[in-house]
Protein backbone atom coordinates (compact mmCIF):
# COMPACT_ATOMS: atom_id res chain seq x y z
CA MET A 1 106.41 132.55 177.78
CA PRO A 2 106.74 134.81 180.89
CA GLU A 3 106.02 137.88 178.73
CA ALA A 4 102.87 136.20 177.37
CA LEU A 5 101.67 135.37 180.85
CA GLN A 6 102.42 138.92 181.99
CA LEU A 7 100.39 140.31 179.10
CA ILE A 8 97.44 138.15 180.10
CA ALA A 9 97.88 139.13 183.75
CA ASP A 10 97.82 142.83 182.84
CA THR A 11 94.72 142.49 180.69
CA ASN A 12 91.41 143.99 181.77
CA TRP A 13 89.21 141.42 183.52
CA ILE A 14 86.37 142.03 181.05
CA GLN A 15 88.64 141.14 178.13
CA LEU A 16 89.80 138.02 179.97
CA ALA A 17 86.21 136.99 180.72
CA LEU A 18 85.30 137.40 177.06
CA ALA A 19 88.34 135.35 176.02
CA VAL A 20 87.36 132.59 178.43
CA ILE A 21 83.86 132.45 176.92
CA VAL A 22 84.81 132.80 173.26
CA PHE A 23 87.74 130.36 173.31
CA ASP A 24 86.16 127.79 175.67
CA ILE A 25 89.31 127.93 177.80
CA PRO A 26 88.08 126.03 180.92
CA ARG A 27 85.55 123.71 179.29
CA TYR A 28 87.36 120.39 178.91
CA THR A 29 89.81 121.11 181.71
CA PHE A 30 86.84 121.47 184.06
CA SER A 31 85.40 118.15 182.84
CA LEU A 32 88.69 116.29 183.22
CA LEU A 33 89.49 117.71 186.64
CA SER A 34 85.96 116.99 187.82
CA LEU A 35 86.28 113.38 186.69
CA SER A 36 89.60 113.07 188.50
CA LEU A 37 88.31 114.59 191.73
CA LEU A 38 85.11 112.58 191.70
CA GLY A 39 87.00 109.40 190.94
CA LEU A 40 84.45 108.46 188.28
CA THR A 41 86.81 106.99 185.72
CA GLY A 42 88.41 104.72 188.30
CA ALA A 43 85.04 103.18 188.96
CA LEU A 44 84.07 102.66 185.32
CA SER A 45 85.13 99.03 185.21
CA GLN A 46 83.06 98.26 188.30
CA ARG A 47 79.99 100.20 187.13
CA GLN A 48 78.95 97.77 184.43
CA THR A 49 76.05 95.52 185.47
CA PRO A 50 75.64 92.22 183.59
CA ILE A 51 72.40 91.94 181.64
CA SER A 52 70.86 89.11 179.65
CA ALA A 53 68.58 91.24 177.45
CA SER A 54 68.35 90.30 173.77
CA VAL A 55 69.85 92.78 171.32
CA SER A 56 68.84 93.28 167.69
CA VAL A 57 71.49 95.08 165.65
CA ILE A 58 70.35 97.33 162.80
CA LEU A 59 73.05 98.29 160.35
CA PRO A 60 71.90 100.79 157.68
CA ALA A 61 74.36 101.18 154.81
CA PHE A 62 74.49 103.53 151.85
CA ASN A 63 77.62 102.72 149.84
CA GLY A 64 79.09 101.25 153.02
CA GLY A 65 80.80 98.29 151.38
CA PRO A 66 84.42 99.06 152.41
CA GLY A 67 83.80 98.77 156.17
CA LEU A 68 80.68 96.61 156.32
CA LEU A 69 82.22 93.16 156.79
CA ARG A 70 84.70 94.31 159.45
CA SER A 71 81.85 95.93 161.40
CA ILE A 72 79.77 92.74 161.24
CA GLU A 73 82.71 90.59 162.32
CA SER A 74 83.39 92.85 165.32
CA LEU A 75 79.73 92.48 166.33
CA ARG A 76 80.03 88.69 166.18
CA ARG A 77 82.95 88.80 168.64
CA GLN A 78 80.94 90.43 171.43
CA THR A 79 80.78 89.06 174.96
CA LEU A 80 77.02 89.70 174.75
CA ALA A 81 76.18 88.08 171.43
CA PRO A 82 73.49 89.89 169.39
CA LEU A 83 70.24 88.03 168.95
CA GLU A 84 70.22 89.08 165.28
CA ILE A 85 71.94 91.42 162.85
CA ILE A 86 69.81 93.15 160.22
CA VAL A 87 71.56 94.95 157.36
CA VAL A 88 69.64 97.51 155.31
CA ASP A 89 71.12 98.28 151.90
CA ASP A 90 69.70 101.77 151.41
CA GLY A 91 69.89 102.06 147.63
CA SER A 92 73.69 101.62 147.45
CA THR A 93 75.49 101.83 144.12
CA ASP A 94 78.60 99.95 145.30
CA ASP A 95 79.01 96.32 146.42
CA THR A 96 77.18 96.80 149.78
CA ARG A 97 74.35 94.43 148.84
CA ALA A 98 76.71 91.70 147.60
CA ILE A 99 78.81 91.88 150.78
CA ALA A 100 75.69 91.76 152.96
CA GLU A 101 74.31 88.75 151.08
CA ARG A 102 77.60 86.88 151.39
CA ALA A 103 77.64 87.63 155.12
CA ARG A 104 74.10 86.27 155.37
CA ALA A 105 75.09 83.11 153.50
CA ALA A 106 78.00 82.68 155.95
CA GLY A 107 75.68 82.99 158.94
CA LEU A 108 77.07 86.36 160.05
CA VAL A 109 73.90 88.29 159.18
CA ASP A 110 70.32 87.19 159.87
CA MET A 111 68.41 89.47 157.49
CA VAL A 112 69.19 91.74 154.55
CA ILE A 113 66.67 94.41 153.56
CA CYS A 114 67.21 96.09 150.19
CA HIS A 115 65.80 99.49 149.26
CA GLY A 116 65.64 99.98 145.51
CA THR A 117 66.26 103.72 145.93
CA ARG A 118 67.84 105.58 148.79
CA CYS A 119 65.41 106.51 151.58
CA GLY A 120 67.84 107.89 154.17
CA ARG A 121 69.44 106.47 157.30
CA SER A 122 66.52 107.15 159.64
CA ALA A 123 63.99 105.57 157.28
CA ALA A 124 66.26 102.53 156.90
CA ILE A 125 66.49 102.08 160.67
CA ASN A 126 62.73 102.46 161.10
CA ALA A 127 62.08 99.87 158.39
CA ALA A 128 64.41 97.33 160.02
CA ALA A 129 62.97 97.98 163.50
CA ARG A 130 59.63 96.56 162.31
CA PHE A 131 61.31 93.17 161.79
CA ALA A 132 63.51 93.21 164.90
CA SER A 133 62.59 90.94 167.81
CA GLY A 134 65.16 91.88 170.48
CA GLU A 135 64.31 93.81 173.62
CA LEU A 136 66.99 96.34 172.70
CA LEU A 137 67.82 97.91 169.33
CA LEU A 138 71.43 98.72 168.52
CA THR A 139 71.82 101.08 165.55
CA VAL A 140 75.26 101.01 163.95
CA ASP A 141 77.02 102.78 161.08
CA ALA A 142 78.65 100.55 158.49
CA ASP A 143 82.20 101.64 159.42
CA THR A 144 81.84 101.19 163.22
CA LEU A 145 84.17 98.68 164.88
CA PHE A 146 83.34 97.32 168.35
CA GLU A 147 85.58 96.38 171.23
CA PRO A 148 84.46 92.94 172.55
CA SER A 149 82.58 94.25 175.60
CA ALA A 150 80.94 97.26 173.94
CA VAL A 151 77.47 95.76 173.41
CA ALA A 152 77.40 94.35 176.96
CA GLY A 153 78.44 97.74 178.32
CA LEU A 154 75.68 99.54 176.44
CA ALA A 155 73.07 96.97 177.45
CA SER A 156 74.04 97.35 181.12
CA ALA A 157 72.63 100.89 181.09
CA PHE A 158 69.14 99.44 180.61
CA THR A 159 69.03 97.76 184.01
CA ASP A 160 67.43 101.06 184.99
CA PRO A 161 63.85 100.80 183.67
CA HIS A 162 63.72 104.58 183.09
CA VAL A 163 66.55 104.48 180.54
CA ALA A 164 65.29 104.50 176.94
CA GLY A 165 68.51 105.26 175.06
CA ALA A 166 72.27 104.99 175.52
CA SER A 167 75.39 105.69 173.48
CA CYS A 168 79.02 104.74 173.88
CA ASN A 169 82.55 106.11 173.76
CA ILE A 170 83.94 106.70 170.27
CA ALA A 171 87.50 106.66 168.97
CA ILE A 172 88.73 107.47 165.47
CA SER A 173 89.75 104.24 163.73
CA ASN A 174 91.83 105.95 161.01
CA GLU A 175 93.55 108.49 163.26
CA ALA A 176 96.90 107.85 161.54
CA GLY A 177 95.44 108.78 158.15
CA SER A 178 96.17 112.53 158.26
CA ILE A 179 96.59 115.50 160.56
CA TRP A 180 92.81 116.00 160.31
CA THR A 181 91.99 112.54 161.67
CA ARG A 182 94.64 112.95 164.38
CA LEU A 183 92.98 116.19 165.48
CA GLN A 184 89.56 114.54 165.42
CA SER A 185 90.92 111.78 167.65
CA ILE A 186 91.98 114.35 170.25
CA GLU A 187 88.69 116.21 169.86
CA TYR A 188 86.65 113.04 170.45
CA LEU A 189 88.70 112.22 173.54
CA MET A 190 87.94 115.67 174.96
CA SER A 191 84.38 116.30 173.83
CA ILE A 192 82.94 112.77 173.90
CA SER A 193 85.01 110.79 176.41
CA ALA A 194 85.48 113.59 178.95
CA GLY A 195 82.62 115.93 178.07
CA ARG A 196 79.84 113.38 177.90
CA THR A 197 81.06 111.44 180.92
CA ILE A 198 80.68 114.50 183.15
CA LEU A 199 77.36 115.43 181.49
CA ASP A 200 76.07 111.91 182.17
CA THR A 201 76.69 112.37 185.90
CA ILE A 202 74.12 115.20 185.92
CA ASP A 203 71.76 113.51 183.42
CA ALA A 204 72.47 116.17 180.78
CA ILE A 205 73.17 113.98 177.73
CA ALA A 206 71.37 115.55 174.78
CA CYS A 207 72.49 113.52 171.78
CA LEU A 208 72.96 109.81 171.15
CA SER A 209 75.70 109.16 168.60
CA GLY A 210 74.76 108.07 165.11
CA ALA A 211 77.75 105.74 164.94
CA CYS A 212 76.41 103.55 167.74
CA SER A 213 73.30 103.95 169.89
CA MET A 214 71.00 101.57 171.72
CA TYR A 215 67.25 101.94 172.42
CA ARG A 216 64.47 100.02 174.13
CA ARG A 217 62.58 98.54 171.20
CA ASP A 218 59.12 98.97 172.74
CA VAL A 219 59.79 102.66 173.49
CA PHE A 220 61.33 103.18 170.05
CA MET A 221 58.29 101.70 168.30
CA ARG A 222 55.70 103.28 170.59
CA HIS A 223 57.01 106.78 169.91
CA GLY A 224 57.42 106.51 166.15
CA GLY A 225 61.13 105.80 165.76
CA LEU A 226 63.53 108.26 164.20
CA ASP A 227 62.15 111.34 162.47
CA VAL A 228 63.06 110.90 158.79
CA GLY A 229 62.86 114.66 158.22
CA PRO A 230 65.78 115.90 160.34
CA GLY A 231 67.45 112.53 159.88
CA GLU A 232 69.37 112.98 163.13
CA ASP A 233 69.69 111.03 166.37
CA LEU A 234 69.69 114.38 168.18
CA GLU A 235 65.98 114.87 167.50
CA PHE A 236 64.99 111.47 168.89
CA SER A 237 67.27 111.94 171.92
CA LEU A 238 65.59 115.25 172.77
CA ARG A 239 62.18 113.69 172.15
CA LEU A 240 62.95 110.92 174.66
CA ARG A 241 64.04 113.51 177.22
CA ARG A 242 60.82 115.51 176.70
CA LEU A 243 58.82 112.32 177.21
CA GLY A 244 60.47 111.82 180.60
CA TYR A 245 62.90 109.01 179.74
CA LEU A 246 66.57 108.92 180.71
CA VAL A 247 69.31 109.05 178.08
CA ARG A 248 72.71 107.70 179.10
CA PHE A 249 76.35 107.72 178.01
CA VAL A 250 78.42 104.59 178.76
CA PRO A 251 82.12 105.61 178.79
CA GLU A 252 83.45 102.07 179.28
CA ALA A 253 81.82 100.83 176.05
CA TRP A 254 84.24 101.66 173.20
CA VAL A 255 83.77 101.65 169.45
CA ALA A 256 85.86 103.16 166.65
CA THR A 257 84.61 104.90 163.53
CA ALA A 258 86.33 106.43 160.52
CA GLY A 259 86.61 110.22 160.45
CA PRO A 260 86.88 112.44 157.36
CA ILE A 261 90.46 112.24 156.16
CA ASP A 262 90.73 115.71 154.59
CA GLY A 263 89.78 119.20 155.67
CA LEU A 264 87.02 119.65 153.09
CA GLY A 265 85.29 116.40 154.07
CA LEU A 266 85.49 117.41 157.73
CA LEU A 267 83.94 120.81 157.02
CA ARG A 268 81.07 119.21 155.10
CA GLN A 269 80.40 116.78 157.95
CA ARG A 270 80.44 119.48 160.62
CA ALA A 271 78.35 121.88 158.52
CA ARG A 272 75.56 119.30 158.36
CA TRP A 273 75.84 118.51 162.07
CA ASP A 274 75.84 122.18 163.07
CA ARG A 275 72.99 123.26 160.79
CA ASP A 276 70.76 120.40 161.88
CA ALA A 277 71.61 120.92 165.55
CA LEU A 278 70.62 124.59 165.33
CA ARG A 279 67.36 123.81 163.53
CA ILE A 280 66.37 120.93 165.80
CA ARG A 281 67.28 122.65 169.06
CA LEU A 282 66.07 126.16 168.40
CA ILE A 283 63.24 125.75 165.90
CA MET A 284 61.79 122.31 166.63
CA TYR A 285 62.36 122.32 170.41
CA GLY A 286 62.63 126.04 171.18
CA GLU A 287 65.63 125.57 173.46
CA LEU A 288 66.63 129.22 173.29
CA ARG A 289 63.61 130.19 175.37
CA PHE A 290 64.72 130.95 178.91
CA PHE A 291 61.75 129.29 180.63
CA HIS A 292 60.22 125.95 179.70
CA ARG A 293 57.18 124.96 181.68
CA PHE A 294 57.61 121.76 183.70
CA GLU A 295 61.24 121.44 182.56
CA ARG A 296 63.49 119.35 184.80
CA LEU A 297 66.84 120.70 186.01
CA PRO A 298 68.86 118.19 183.92
CA ASP A 299 67.04 119.36 180.79
CA THR A 300 67.89 122.96 181.66
CA LEU A 301 71.54 121.99 182.11
CA GLN A 302 71.76 120.23 178.74
CA ARG A 303 70.23 123.30 177.06
CA LEU A 304 72.65 125.65 178.81
CA ASP A 305 75.60 123.46 177.82
CA TYR A 306 74.71 124.02 174.16
CA ILE A 307 73.84 127.72 174.50
CA LEU A 308 76.79 128.77 176.68
CA PHE A 309 79.53 126.60 175.18
CA ASP A 310 78.49 126.34 171.52
CA LEU A 311 75.98 128.95 170.42
CA ILE A 312 77.11 132.11 172.24
CA PRO A 313 80.91 131.66 171.73
CA THR A 314 80.39 130.93 168.03
CA LEU A 315 78.07 133.84 167.24
CA SER A 316 80.13 136.30 169.32
CA PHE A 317 83.50 135.26 167.83
CA PRO A 318 83.74 137.85 164.99
CA PHE A 319 82.42 140.64 167.23
CA TYR A 320 85.03 139.75 169.84
CA LEU A 321 87.84 140.05 167.29
CA VAL A 322 86.53 143.42 166.09
CA TYR A 323 86.26 144.56 169.72
CA LEU A 324 89.87 143.57 170.42
CA VAL A 325 91.25 145.35 167.35
CA ALA A 326 89.21 148.49 168.08
CA LEU A 327 90.32 148.51 171.72
CA LEU A 328 93.94 147.40 171.50
CA GLY A 329 95.02 148.06 167.93
CA SER A 330 98.22 146.19 167.10
CA ASP A 331 98.41 144.84 170.67
CA ALA A 332 95.37 142.68 169.86
CA PHE A 333 97.67 140.34 167.91
CA TRP A 334 99.93 139.89 170.91
CA LEU A 335 97.02 139.25 173.24
CA LEU A 336 95.71 136.56 170.87
CA ALA A 337 99.22 135.09 170.63
CA ALA A 338 99.40 134.99 174.43
CA ILE A 339 96.01 133.28 174.58
CA TYR A 340 97.25 130.72 172.03
CA VAL A 341 100.31 129.97 174.20
CA LEU A 342 98.06 129.53 177.23
CA LEU A 343 95.68 127.30 175.27
CA THR A 344 98.59 125.17 174.05
CA TRP A 345 99.75 124.46 177.59
CA ILE A 346 96.17 123.70 178.61
CA SER A 347 95.91 121.39 175.58
CA PHE A 348 98.98 119.40 176.68
CA PHE A 349 97.62 119.17 180.23
CA ASN A 350 94.17 118.06 179.02
CA LEU A 351 95.63 115.49 176.64
CA GLY A 352 97.85 113.90 179.26
CA LEU A 353 95.05 113.76 181.81
CA ALA A 354 92.56 112.37 179.28
CA PHE A 355 94.91 109.58 178.18
CA ALA A 356 95.50 108.62 181.82
CA LEU A 357 91.83 108.72 182.83
CA PHE A 358 90.53 106.74 179.86
CA LYS A 359 93.50 104.37 179.64
CA ARG A 360 94.31 105.19 176.03
CA THR A 361 97.85 104.85 174.68
CA PRO A 362 99.40 108.17 173.59
CA ARG A 363 101.54 108.38 170.46
CA ILE A 364 104.33 110.79 169.68
CA LEU A 365 102.29 112.38 166.87
CA ASP A 366 99.60 113.25 169.42
CA LEU A 367 102.02 115.72 170.98
CA GLY A 368 102.50 117.45 167.63
CA ALA A 369 98.75 117.55 167.07
CA ALA A 370 98.30 119.08 170.53
CA LEU A 371 100.25 122.11 169.31
CA VAL A 372 97.73 122.66 166.53
CA PHE A 373 94.65 121.64 168.51
CA PRO A 374 93.90 125.11 170.01
CA ILE A 375 93.72 126.61 166.50
CA TYR A 376 91.69 123.65 165.23
CA GLN A 377 89.22 123.75 168.12
CA SER A 378 88.97 127.45 168.93
CA VAL A 379 89.40 128.99 165.47
CA HIS A 380 88.99 126.54 162.59
CA LEU A 381 85.90 124.70 163.85
CA LYS A 382 84.45 127.85 165.38
CA CYS A 383 84.68 129.72 162.06
CA ALA A 384 83.13 126.73 160.27
CA ARG A 385 80.35 126.60 162.85
CA LEU A 386 79.76 130.35 162.47
CA VAL A 387 79.28 129.92 158.71
CA SER A 388 76.95 126.96 159.29
CA TYR A 389 74.85 128.78 161.88
CA SER A 390 74.66 131.89 159.71
CA SER A 391 73.60 129.93 156.63
CA GLU A 392 70.92 128.17 158.66
CA ILE A 393 69.61 131.37 160.27
CA ILE A 394 69.55 133.34 157.00
CA PHE A 395 68.89 130.70 154.33
CA ALA A 396 67.62 127.61 156.22
CA ALA A 397 70.43 125.77 154.46
CA SER A 398 69.75 122.44 156.20
CA GLY A 399 66.81 122.02 153.82
CA ASN A 400 69.34 121.30 151.06
CA ASP A 401 71.47 118.76 152.95
CA ASP A 402 71.58 115.46 151.07
CA PHE A 403 71.73 113.34 154.25
CA VAL A 404 67.97 113.07 153.78
CA PRO A 405 67.31 112.34 150.08
CA PRO A 406 65.54 115.18 148.21
CA ARG A 407 62.75 112.77 147.22
CA VAL A 408 62.02 112.09 150.90
CA ARG A 409 62.11 115.79 151.78
CA ARG A 410 59.61 116.57 149.01
CA ALA A 411 57.30 113.83 150.24
CA LEU A 412 57.50 115.17 153.80
CA PHE A 413 57.13 118.87 153.18
CA SER A 414 55.37 119.23 149.82
CA GLY A 415 52.43 116.86 150.25
CA PRO A 416 51.23 114.41 147.61
CA GLU A 417 52.28 116.63 144.71
CA GLY A 418 55.89 116.73 145.91
CA ALA A 419 55.91 112.97 146.56
CA ARG A 420 55.03 112.24 142.90
CA ARG A 421 57.84 114.42 141.46
């Protein structure tokens, strides 16, 4: 350990600066320390303002049978009871429709909408929104489980009339399933719980989570709902920001959702997220441009967060490795090993601080996962993101993602001829 620290201390400051950028060394530590110094997390329980607004829950489901009933039951246990729950069976081939109909017969669900063929999550939400009558719309994935005060916490954000959207804190419900879900649990605690809490303090939230987000119904309907082309909540979140509305993150409102249990499933999920994020941010909204006329400072900050901490480190990663090998030769391995040791200690520090700040209970396996987390976060996911970004830049690969059904894509982008095929 002392030798590793000495190697880092003797390293040229330019190499250290590059390592800091490429490996995101201070990112979550900065967020956690800022939260501690500002005392924000200690005030979370007092920040919630009671609200009596009516909430319509929209639950789109494509083959979501396994988790559907548990999600509905958790919604019925809320301190702020939903006005109605609308389930959309989006062309499922499993028992989703049967489960939804039984829940309706039992009085747990108020409406079931059935699509004969799959239309996509965004289209399903838009269809249900036409029938909703609540002041607020809560969109929920079929495997999302709610803590009892989650809906009330989300609704409290809308006491500010300028807020048009809000999302909540997310945990991994199946974190004990594999090493992959354990790592995702740590990642969510860092990137969502800590990262978005500090971004919310400067009004720099860019994306409302698909697992659980809330919108003002009149704003949602007035501005066309979710775009069924990208099929992502990111696009609508950025649209709301461009229209001058506030988008909030509510850290005291907790839900849990199931994460991919194996490495291949995780890579597929992140590839879709990363490709769509690049296309929406850079092509649809031109966020790579340095100047945006009439842009507010918070919008600049949310753009820079993506560019400086996601885009630049990812695209520069292979060039950085080549640079190290060309400059240091065999010593490059030892520098990277020293950086890994440093990142591991930072990982333990971040994990302990995050568990204390957000009052989560640590488990012994979390300590083992913390040893692997630097490789998972700084190498594994970064390499996967590099492949995703490259495939999107070169091949526009997001056009083949099946999150939006091919039939819907043809109808959107090929005109009447494509719609009939």
